[in-house]
Amino acid sequence: MKRVMINAYQVGLVFKKGAFSRMLKAGTYWLWPSEAMLVYELTKPFTAPCELNILLQDVDVKEALQLVEVRDNEIVLQYENGLLKQVLTSGRYTFWNSVIQYAFIRADISKIWITEMIDRATLLSKQVAPYVRMFNVENAEKALLFIDGRFDRVLDSGVYYWWKNNISIQVGKVDIRQQQLEIAGQEILTRDKAALRLNAWAQYKVLDIEKALLRNKEYDKQLYTAFQLALREYICGLGFDELLEKKDAISAWVVQKVSDAATVLGVQVVGFGIRDIILPGDVKEIMNQVLIAEKKAQANIIMRREETASTRSLLNTAKLMEDNPMLLKLKEMEYVEKIAEKINNISVSGNGVLIDQLRQIFIAQK
C-alpha cells in the first residue's frame, strides 16, 4: 500500500485499473498498488480525465461539481466572484463548488434581439464583442430595420445591439433635419422662345421615413425632378417680359405645385427660391440697350422739367423787377457784392465821370 495526502482546497479522484473508483477530499489516505489518484485544485475549472457521465454517476462527484451545458445556438457568460471571466461556447463545462463564487448568464444567439440582462459595458468587452453587432442612429436621424430582407420596424435615435449570427440585418437611415436641394443649370425656353438658364434652391424635411425609403426609391432624386418639371411648366407658360414682371410669384407657385408630389414621397417642402436668371449674350446686350435708352429718356425728361422750372422762375423774377424798381436795384447790388468778394484791389483811371458812375452804383440815391 502507499500513503497519499490531499491538501486543503484539493480533491482526489481514485482510479482502480483505469476505472473510476471514488473521490477523496482533504486528508491522508492509503491506496492499494492497483490504484492511482489524480489531484485537482478546487480553485480551478475541472477537466474530466475520462467520460464525464461516468464521473457524474458518483454522488460525491455530482455534488462537488457544477455542470454547465452550452448548446450550439448559445453562449454562456462565466463570472468568477462577480467578474466576467470568459465566454463559453457550445460544449460541457464543469466547475468545483468551492470558495470561488461562479455565476453564469445564458444567451440564445440564434435570435436577433438581446433580451438577456447584460449591460452595455459587458457587450462591448473584448470577450463578448465578437458575438455582438452594433448600429448607431444619430440624434437627427431615423432608420428602418430590415431582417432577412423584410421590413421590421422604425428605429429612433440611439445605439442598438443585436446578436451576431447568420440572420441578415440591414438598416436604412434618413436625416430628418431640414435639407437643401440645389437645382442648378436649368435651360428653359419661355413662351416667346427666349432661352434662359436658371439656378434655384429648395428646402425640405423628411416627415415619413416609411414613405421615403420603403415606398419610394431615391426619394431625393424624385423630389428634384418634381421641382424641375414645375419650374419648366411655369417658365414655358410665360413670355420673357411677362416672366420678368412675375418672377416674384415663381416661388409660391412652384411650392404649391410640388407639395402633392412631396407628400407622396414622405417629404414636406419648406421653401423654394430662384438664385439667379442668366440671359444669353445677345438678349443681355439688348436688355442693356433698352435700359440705357430708358435711362436716357428719363434724364432728358428731368432736364427739360428743370429747364422749364428755371425759365418760369426767371420770368417771375423779371416781372417783379419790372413792377418794383427798388427790387431791381437790390438785385444789382447783390451782383456787385458777389463781384466785389472776388476782387482784392480796384485801380481806377480816367476822368471824374467813371467815379461818379461807381458812386451812383454803391451809394443809394436820396
Protein backbone atom coordinates (compact mmCIF):
# COMPACT_ATOMS: atom_id res chain seq x y z
CA MET A 1 0.00 0.00 0.00
CA LYS A 2 1.05 3.61 -0.48
CA ARG A 3 0.25 6.64 1.56
CA VAL A 4 -1.15 9.78 -0.16
CA MET A 5 -2.11 13.17 1.20
CA ILE A 6 -4.65 15.66 -0.18
CA ASN A 7 -4.22 19.27 0.91
CA ALA A 8 -6.92 21.81 1.65
CA TYR A 9 -8.86 23.09 -1.41
CA GLN A 10 -7.95 19.91 -3.29
CA VAL A 11 -9.78 16.70 -4.20
CA GLY A 12 -8.51 13.43 -5.48
CA LEU A 13 -10.07 11.06 -7.97
CA VAL A 14 -9.03 7.48 -7.45
CA PHE A 15 -8.88 5.08 -10.39
CA LYS A 16 -8.51 1.31 -9.99
CA LYS A 17 -7.07 -0.45 -13.01
CA GLY A 18 -8.09 2.56 -15.17
CA ALA A 19 -11.70 2.68 -13.94
CA PHE A 20 -13.01 5.43 -11.68
CA SER A 21 -13.37 4.25 -8.10
CA ARG A 22 -14.08 7.13 -5.69
CA MET A 23 -13.42 10.77 -4.80
CA LEU A 24 -11.30 11.80 -1.83
CA LYS A 25 -11.37 15.14 -0.01
CA ALA A 26 -8.61 16.80 2.02
CA GLY A 27 -6.79 14.32 4.28
CA THR A 28 -4.35 11.34 4.35
CA TYR A 29 -5.22 8.08 2.68
CA TRP A 30 -3.77 4.65 1.84
CA LEU A 31 -4.08 3.28 -1.69
CA TRP A 32 -3.65 -0.23 -2.99
CA PRO A 33 -0.91 -0.79 -5.55
CA SER A 34 -3.57 -1.22 -8.27
CA GLU A 35 -5.00 2.20 -7.52
CA ALA A 36 -3.89 5.61 -8.83
CA MET A 37 -5.04 9.05 -7.85
CA LEU A 38 -5.35 12.38 -9.73
CA VAL A 39 -5.33 15.53 -7.62
CA TYR A 40 -7.35 18.63 -8.66
CA GLU A 41 -7.37 22.18 -7.35
CA LEU A 42 -10.81 23.33 -6.22
CA THR A 43 -9.93 26.90 -7.27
CA LYS A 44 -9.61 25.94 -10.93
CA PRO A 45 -12.13 24.68 -13.50
CA PHE A 46 -12.35 20.92 -13.71
CA THR A 47 -11.43 18.97 -16.84
CA ALA A 48 -12.64 15.39 -16.74
CA PRO A 49 -9.90 12.76 -17.27
CA CYS A 50 -12.49 10.36 -18.65
CA GLU A 51 -16.10 10.32 -19.78
CA LEU A 52 -17.87 12.94 -17.68
CA ASN A 53 -21.09 10.94 -17.41
CA ILE A 54 -19.18 8.16 -15.64
CA LEU A 55 -17.91 10.57 -13.02
CA LEU A 56 -21.33 12.15 -12.51
CA GLN A 57 -22.78 8.77 -11.56
CA ASP A 58 -20.87 9.13 -8.31
CA VAL A 59 -22.95 11.07 -5.76
CA ASP A 60 -19.95 12.82 -4.18
CA VAL A 61 -18.59 13.94 -7.53
CA LYS A 62 -22.00 15.16 -8.68
CA GLU A 63 -22.47 17.25 -5.53
CA ALA A 64 -18.96 18.68 -5.78
CA LEU A 65 -19.30 19.86 -9.39
CA GLN A 66 -21.34 22.46 -11.26
CA LEU A 67 -22.21 21.28 -14.75
CA VAL A 68 -22.80 23.88 -17.48
CA GLU A 69 -24.05 22.61 -20.83
CA VAL A 70 -23.95 25.07 -23.75
CA ARG A 71 -25.93 24.25 -26.89
CA ASP A 72 -24.85 25.13 -30.44
CA ASN A 73 -27.05 28.26 -30.60
CA GLU A 74 -25.94 29.57 -27.20
CA ILE A 75 -23.13 31.24 -25.37
CA VAL A 76 -22.71 31.40 -21.60
CA LEU A 77 -21.00 34.26 -19.80
CA GLN A 78 -18.97 32.87 -16.91
CA TYR A 79 -18.42 35.13 -13.90
CA GLU A 80 -15.97 34.46 -11.07
CA ASN A 81 -16.62 36.39 -7.88
CA GLY A 82 -18.75 38.88 -9.83
CA LEU A 83 -16.22 39.48 -12.62
CA LEU A 84 -16.59 38.29 -16.21
CA LYS A 85 -14.01 35.56 -16.77
CA GLN A 86 -14.78 34.10 -20.18
CA VAL A 87 -17.47 33.26 -22.73
CA LEU A 88 -18.35 29.58 -23.00
CA THR A 89 -19.31 28.30 -26.44
CA SER A 90 -21.06 25.04 -27.29
CA GLY A 91 -19.90 22.14 -25.09
CA ARG A 92 -19.98 20.82 -21.50
CA TYR A 93 -18.08 22.58 -18.72
CA THR A 94 -17.60 21.64 -15.06
CA PHE A 95 -16.58 23.80 -12.11
CA TRP A 96 -15.92 22.88 -8.50
CA ASN A 97 -18.30 24.11 -5.82
CA SER A 98 -15.69 25.79 -3.68
CA VAL A 99 -14.61 29.15 -2.31
CA ILE A 100 -14.89 30.73 -5.76
CA GLN A 101 -18.38 32.02 -6.48
CA TYR A 102 -19.39 31.14 -10.01
CA ALA A 103 -22.30 32.75 -11.90
CA PHE A 104 -23.48 32.11 -15.42
CA ILE A 105 -25.66 34.08 -17.88
CA ARG A 106 -27.04 32.02 -20.73
CA ALA A 107 -27.76 33.81 -24.04
CA ASP A 108 -29.52 32.50 -27.13
CA ILE A 109 -27.55 33.95 -30.04
CA SER A 110 -29.77 32.38 -32.70
CA LYS A 111 -32.17 35.32 -32.32
CA ILE A 112 -31.65 38.98 -33.21
CA TRP A 113 -32.53 41.00 -30.15
CA ILE A 114 -30.51 40.81 -26.95
CA THR A 115 -33.16 40.20 -24.29
CA GLU A 116 -30.79 38.91 -21.61
CA MET A 117 -29.86 41.15 -18.68
CA ILE A 118 -26.42 42.09 -19.99
CA ASP A 119 -25.17 45.64 -19.54
CA ARG A 120 -23.57 47.72 -22.28
CA ALA A 121 -20.07 47.54 -20.80
CA THR A 122 -20.22 43.74 -20.94
CA LEU A 123 -21.50 43.74 -24.52
CA LEU A 124 -18.57 45.93 -25.55
CA SER A 125 -15.96 43.91 -23.64
CA LYS A 126 -13.34 42.03 -25.63
CA GLN A 127 -14.83 38.65 -24.63
CA VAL A 128 -18.42 39.38 -25.72
CA ALA A 129 -17.94 41.92 -28.55
CA PRO A 130 -17.16 39.24 -31.22
CA TYR A 131 -20.70 37.90 -30.73
CA VAL A 132 -22.44 41.30 -30.95
CA ARG A 133 -23.20 43.70 -33.81
CA MET A 134 -23.93 47.32 -33.09
CA PHE A 135 -25.62 50.14 -35.04
CA ASN A 136 -25.86 53.81 -34.11
CA VAL A 137 -28.74 56.10 -35.17
CA GLU A 138 -27.74 59.72 -34.61
CA ASN A 139 -29.93 62.27 -32.85
CA ALA A 140 -31.02 63.91 -36.14
CA GLU A 141 -31.77 60.60 -37.87
CA LYS A 142 -34.37 57.89 -38.14
CA ALA A 143 -33.82 54.44 -39.57
CA LEU A 144 -35.67 51.43 -40.96
CA LEU A 145 -34.69 47.95 -39.80
CA PHE A 146 -34.83 45.09 -42.33
CA ILE A 147 -34.41 41.50 -41.09
CA ASP A 148 -33.74 38.91 -43.80
CA GLY A 149 -34.87 41.48 -46.35
CA ARG A 150 -38.21 42.21 -44.64
CA PHE A 151 -39.12 45.50 -43.02
CA ASP A 152 -39.34 45.06 -39.25
CA ARG A 153 -39.66 48.44 -37.55
CA VAL A 154 -38.66 52.11 -37.40
CA LEU A 155 -35.63 52.88 -35.26
CA ASP A 156 -35.46 56.17 -33.40
CA SER A 157 -32.16 57.78 -32.43
CA GLY A 158 -29.99 55.63 -30.16
CA VAL A 159 -27.50 52.75 -30.11
CA TYR A 160 -28.78 49.28 -30.97
CA TYR A 161 -27.17 45.92 -30.21
CA TRP A 162 -28.01 42.60 -31.85
CA TRP A 163 -26.53 39.12 -31.63
CA LYS A 164 -24.21 38.30 -34.49
CA ASN A 165 -25.44 35.25 -36.39
CA ASN A 166 -26.43 34.19 -39.91
CA ILE A 167 -29.61 36.33 -39.91
CA SER A 168 -29.24 39.25 -42.31
CA ILE A 169 -29.76 42.73 -40.87
CA GLN A 170 -29.89 45.91 -42.96
CA VAL A 171 -30.55 49.45 -41.75
CA GLY A 172 -31.58 52.42 -43.91
CA LYS A 173 -31.08 55.85 -42.34
CA VAL A 174 -32.55 59.26 -43.17
CA ASP A 175 -31.57 62.67 -41.85
CA ILE A 176 -34.76 64.27 -40.52
CA ARG A 177 -33.28 67.78 -40.30
CA GLN A 178 -34.12 70.48 -42.84
CA GLN A 179 -32.13 69.84 -46.01
CA GLN A 180 -31.35 71.90 -49.10
CA LEU A 181 -31.57 70.80 -52.71
CA GLU A 182 -29.68 72.71 -55.38
CA ILE A 183 -31.39 72.91 -58.79
CA ALA A 184 -28.67 74.34 -60.99
CA GLY A 185 -28.20 74.99 -64.70
CA GLN A 186 -31.83 74.63 -65.87
CA GLU A 187 -32.02 75.74 -69.52
CA ILE A 188 -35.64 76.66 -70.31
CA LEU A 189 -37.42 78.35 -73.22
CA THR A 190 -40.07 80.95 -72.49
CA ARG A 191 -43.32 81.06 -74.45
CA ASP A 192 -41.75 83.52 -76.92
CA LYS A 193 -38.70 81.21 -77.39
CA ALA A 194 -36.26 83.19 -75.24
CA ALA A 195 -33.63 80.79 -73.88
CA LEU A 196 -32.92 81.25 -70.17
CA ARG A 197 -30.72 79.45 -67.67
CA LEU A 198 -31.93 79.34 -64.07
CA ASN A 199 -30.31 78.35 -60.79
CA ALA A 200 -32.71 77.60 -57.94
CA TRP A 201 -32.76 76.08 -54.46
CA ALA A 202 -35.32 74.15 -52.45
CA GLN A 203 -35.55 73.26 -48.76
CA TYR A 204 -37.37 70.19 -47.44
CA LYS A 205 -37.72 67.85 -44.45
CA VAL A 206 -38.43 64.12 -44.34
CA LEU A 207 -41.58 63.58 -42.27
CA ASP A 208 -42.47 59.95 -43.07
CA ILE A 209 -39.42 57.71 -43.32
CA GLU A 210 -41.50 54.69 -44.37
CA LYS A 211 -42.81 56.54 -47.43
CA ALA A 212 -39.40 58.00 -48.21
CA LEU A 213 -37.41 54.75 -48.07
CA LEU A 214 -39.90 51.87 -48.14
CA ARG A 215 -42.40 53.01 -50.77
CA ASN A 216 -40.11 55.12 -52.93
CA LYS A 217 -36.68 54.62 -54.42
CA GLU A 218 -34.28 57.57 -54.25
CA TYR A 219 -36.89 59.99 -52.95
CA ASP A 220 -34.44 62.90 -53.21
CA LYS A 221 -33.98 62.39 -56.95
CA GLN A 222 -37.74 62.19 -57.43
CA LEU A 223 -38.16 65.42 -55.48
CA TYR A 224 -35.51 67.07 -57.67
CA THR A 225 -37.40 66.00 -60.79
CA ALA A 226 -40.68 67.35 -59.38
CA PHE A 227 -39.13 70.78 -58.79
CA GLN A 228 -37.51 70.73 -62.21
CA LEU A 229 -40.77 69.95 -64.04
CA ALA A 230 -42.77 72.51 -62.04
CA LEU A 231 -40.20 75.21 -62.80
CA ARG A 232 -40.26 74.39 -66.51
CA GLU A 233 -44.07 74.44 -66.57
CA TYR A 234 -44.17 77.91 -65.06
CA ILE A 235 -41.44 79.40 -67.28
CA CYS A 236 -42.78 77.89 -70.51
CA GLY A 237 -46.21 79.41 -69.90
CA LEU A 238 -44.95 82.99 -69.84
CA GLY A 239 -43.32 85.37 -72.29
CA PHE A 240 -39.96 86.89 -71.47
CA ASP A 241 -41.27 90.31 -70.44
CA GLU A 242 -44.14 88.73 -68.54
CA LEU A 243 -41.71 86.46 -66.72
CA LEU A 244 -39.62 89.42 -65.56
CA GLU A 245 -42.75 91.08 -64.23
CA LYS A 246 -43.97 87.95 -62.37
CA LYS A 247 -40.66 86.48 -61.22
CA ASP A 248 -41.54 87.15 -57.57
CA ALA A 249 -44.53 84.79 -57.87
CA ILE A 250 -42.44 81.81 -59.05
CA SER A 251 -41.58 80.53 -55.57
CA ALA A 252 -45.14 80.32 -54.23
CA TRP A 253 -46.40 78.69 -57.44
CA VAL A 254 -43.67 76.05 -57.53
CA VAL A 255 -44.08 75.17 -53.82
CA GLN A 256 -47.83 74.70 -54.28
CA LYS A 257 -47.28 72.63 -57.42
CA VAL A 258 -44.73 70.29 -55.80
CA SER A 259 -46.48 69.86 -52.43
CA ASP A 260 -48.68 66.93 -53.51
CA ALA A 261 -45.77 65.02 -55.03
CA ALA A 262 -43.68 65.72 -51.93
CA THR A 263 -46.41 64.29 -49.67
CA VAL A 264 -46.34 61.04 -51.62
CA LEU A 265 -42.58 60.92 -51.06
CA GLY A 266 -42.99 61.47 -47.31
CA VAL A 267 -41.39 64.92 -47.59
CA GLN A 268 -42.51 68.42 -46.61
CA VAL A 269 -41.41 71.32 -48.82
CA VAL A 270 -40.23 74.17 -46.60
CA GLY A 271 -39.15 76.74 -49.19
CA PHE A 272 -38.12 77.43 -52.77
CA GLY A 273 -36.37 80.30 -54.48
CA ILE A 274 -34.64 81.43 -57.68
CA ARG A 275 -30.98 82.10 -57.08
CA ASP A 276 -30.38 83.85 -60.44
CA ILE A 277 -31.66 84.07 -64.03
CA ILE A 278 -28.90 84.01 -66.65
CA LEU A 279 -29.71 85.56 -70.04
CA PRO A 280 -27.99 84.68 -73.35
CA GLY A 281 -25.35 87.14 -74.54
CA ASP A 282 -27.46 88.70 -77.31
CA VAL A 283 -30.53 89.07 -75.09
CA LYS A 284 -28.42 90.56 -72.34
CA GLU A 285 -26.98 93.12 -74.79
CA ILE A 286 -30.46 94.07 -75.99
CA MET A 287 -31.67 94.42 -72.40
CA ASN A 288 -28.72 96.68 -71.62
CA GLN A 289 -29.51 98.84 -74.65
CA VAL A 290 -33.16 99.10 -73.61
CA LEU A 291 -32.12 100.03 -70.10
CA ILE A 292 -29.69 102.68 -71.35
CA ALA A 293 -32.37 104.13 -73.65
CA GLU A 294 -34.90 104.24 -70.79
CA LYS A 295 -32.44 105.96 -68.51
CA LYS A 296 -31.50 108.50 -71.20
CA ALA A 297 -35.17 109.25 -71.79
CA GLN A 298 -35.72 109.72 -68.07
CA ALA A 299 -32.68 112.00 -67.87
CA ASN A 300 -33.98 114.12 -70.78
CA ILE A 301 -37.38 114.47 -69.15
CA ILE A 302 -35.78 115.57 -65.89
CA MET A 303 -33.55 118.10 -67.69
CA ARG A 304 -36.50 119.56 -69.61
CA ARG A 305 -38.54 119.78 -66.45
CA GLU A 306 -35.74 121.56 -64.60
CA GLU A 307 -35.14 123.96 -67.52
CA THR A 308 -38.85 124.80 -67.64
CA ALA A 309 -38.91 125.42 -63.91
CA SER A 310 -35.81 127.61 -64.15
CA THR A 311 -37.24 129.65 -67.05
CA ARG A 312 -40.52 130.12 -65.21
CA SER A 313 -38.63 131.31 -62.14
CA LEU A 314 -36.64 133.83 -64.22
CA LEU A 315 -39.84 135.07 -65.83
CA ASN A 316 -41.48 135.61 -62.47
CA THR A 317 -38.41 137.44 -61.19
CA ALA A 318 -38.32 139.71 -64.25
CA LYS A 319 -42.00 140.63 -63.78
CA LEU A 320 -41.39 141.50 -60.14
CA MET A 321 -38.40 143.68 -61.03
CA GLU A 322 -40.39 145.41 -63.74
CA ASP A 323 -43.09 146.37 -61.28
CA ASN A 324 -40.68 147.26 -58.42
CA PRO A 325 -37.56 149.37 -59.29
CA MET A 326 -36.24 149.01 -55.75
CA LEU A 327 -36.13 145.23 -56.17
CA LEU A 328 -34.13 145.67 -59.37
CA LYS A 329 -31.70 147.92 -57.51
CA LEU A 330 -31.27 145.32 -54.74
CA LYS A 331 -30.58 142.66 -57.34
CA GLU A 332 -27.91 144.88 -58.92
CA MET A 333 -26.30 145.41 -55.53
CA GLU A 334 -26.36 141.68 -54.86
CA TYR A 335 -24.47 141.01 -58.09
CA VAL A 336 -21.98 143.82 -57.33
CA GLU A 337 -21.41 142.31 -53.87
CA LYS A 338 -20.66 138.90 -55.39
CA ILE A 339 -18.23 140.53 -57.83
CA ALA A 340 -16.58 142.51 -55.02
CA GLU A 341 -15.99 139.32 -52.99
CA LYS A 342 -13.69 138.06 -55.75
CA ILE A 343 -11.75 141.33 -56.15
CA ASN A 344 -8.97 142.38 -53.76
CA ASN A 345 -7.93 145.74 -55.33
CA ILE A 346 -9.62 148.15 -57.77
CA SER A 347 -7.49 150.61 -59.75
CA VAL A 348 -9.48 153.33 -61.44
CA SER A 349 -8.03 155.73 -64.04
CA GLY A 350 -9.91 158.30 -66.08
CA ASN A 351 -11.95 161.37 -65.62
CA GLY A 352 -14.48 162.02 -62.90
CA VAL A 353 -17.35 160.61 -64.90
CA LEU A 354 -16.31 156.96 -64.08
CA ILE A 355 -16.02 157.74 -60.37
CA ASP A 356 -19.44 159.34 -60.37
CA GLN A 357 -20.85 156.22 -62.04
CA LEU A 358 -19.35 153.91 -59.40
CA ARG A 359 -20.64 156.22 -56.68
CA GLN A 360 -24.05 156.01 -58.19
CA ILE A 361 -23.86 152.25 -58.12
CA PHE A 362 -22.64 151.79 -54.50
CA ILE A 363 -24.34 154.80 -52.82
CA ALA A 364 -28.07 154.82 -52.62
CA GLN A 365 -29.79 157.80 -54.17
CA LYS A 366 -31.60 160.10 -51.78
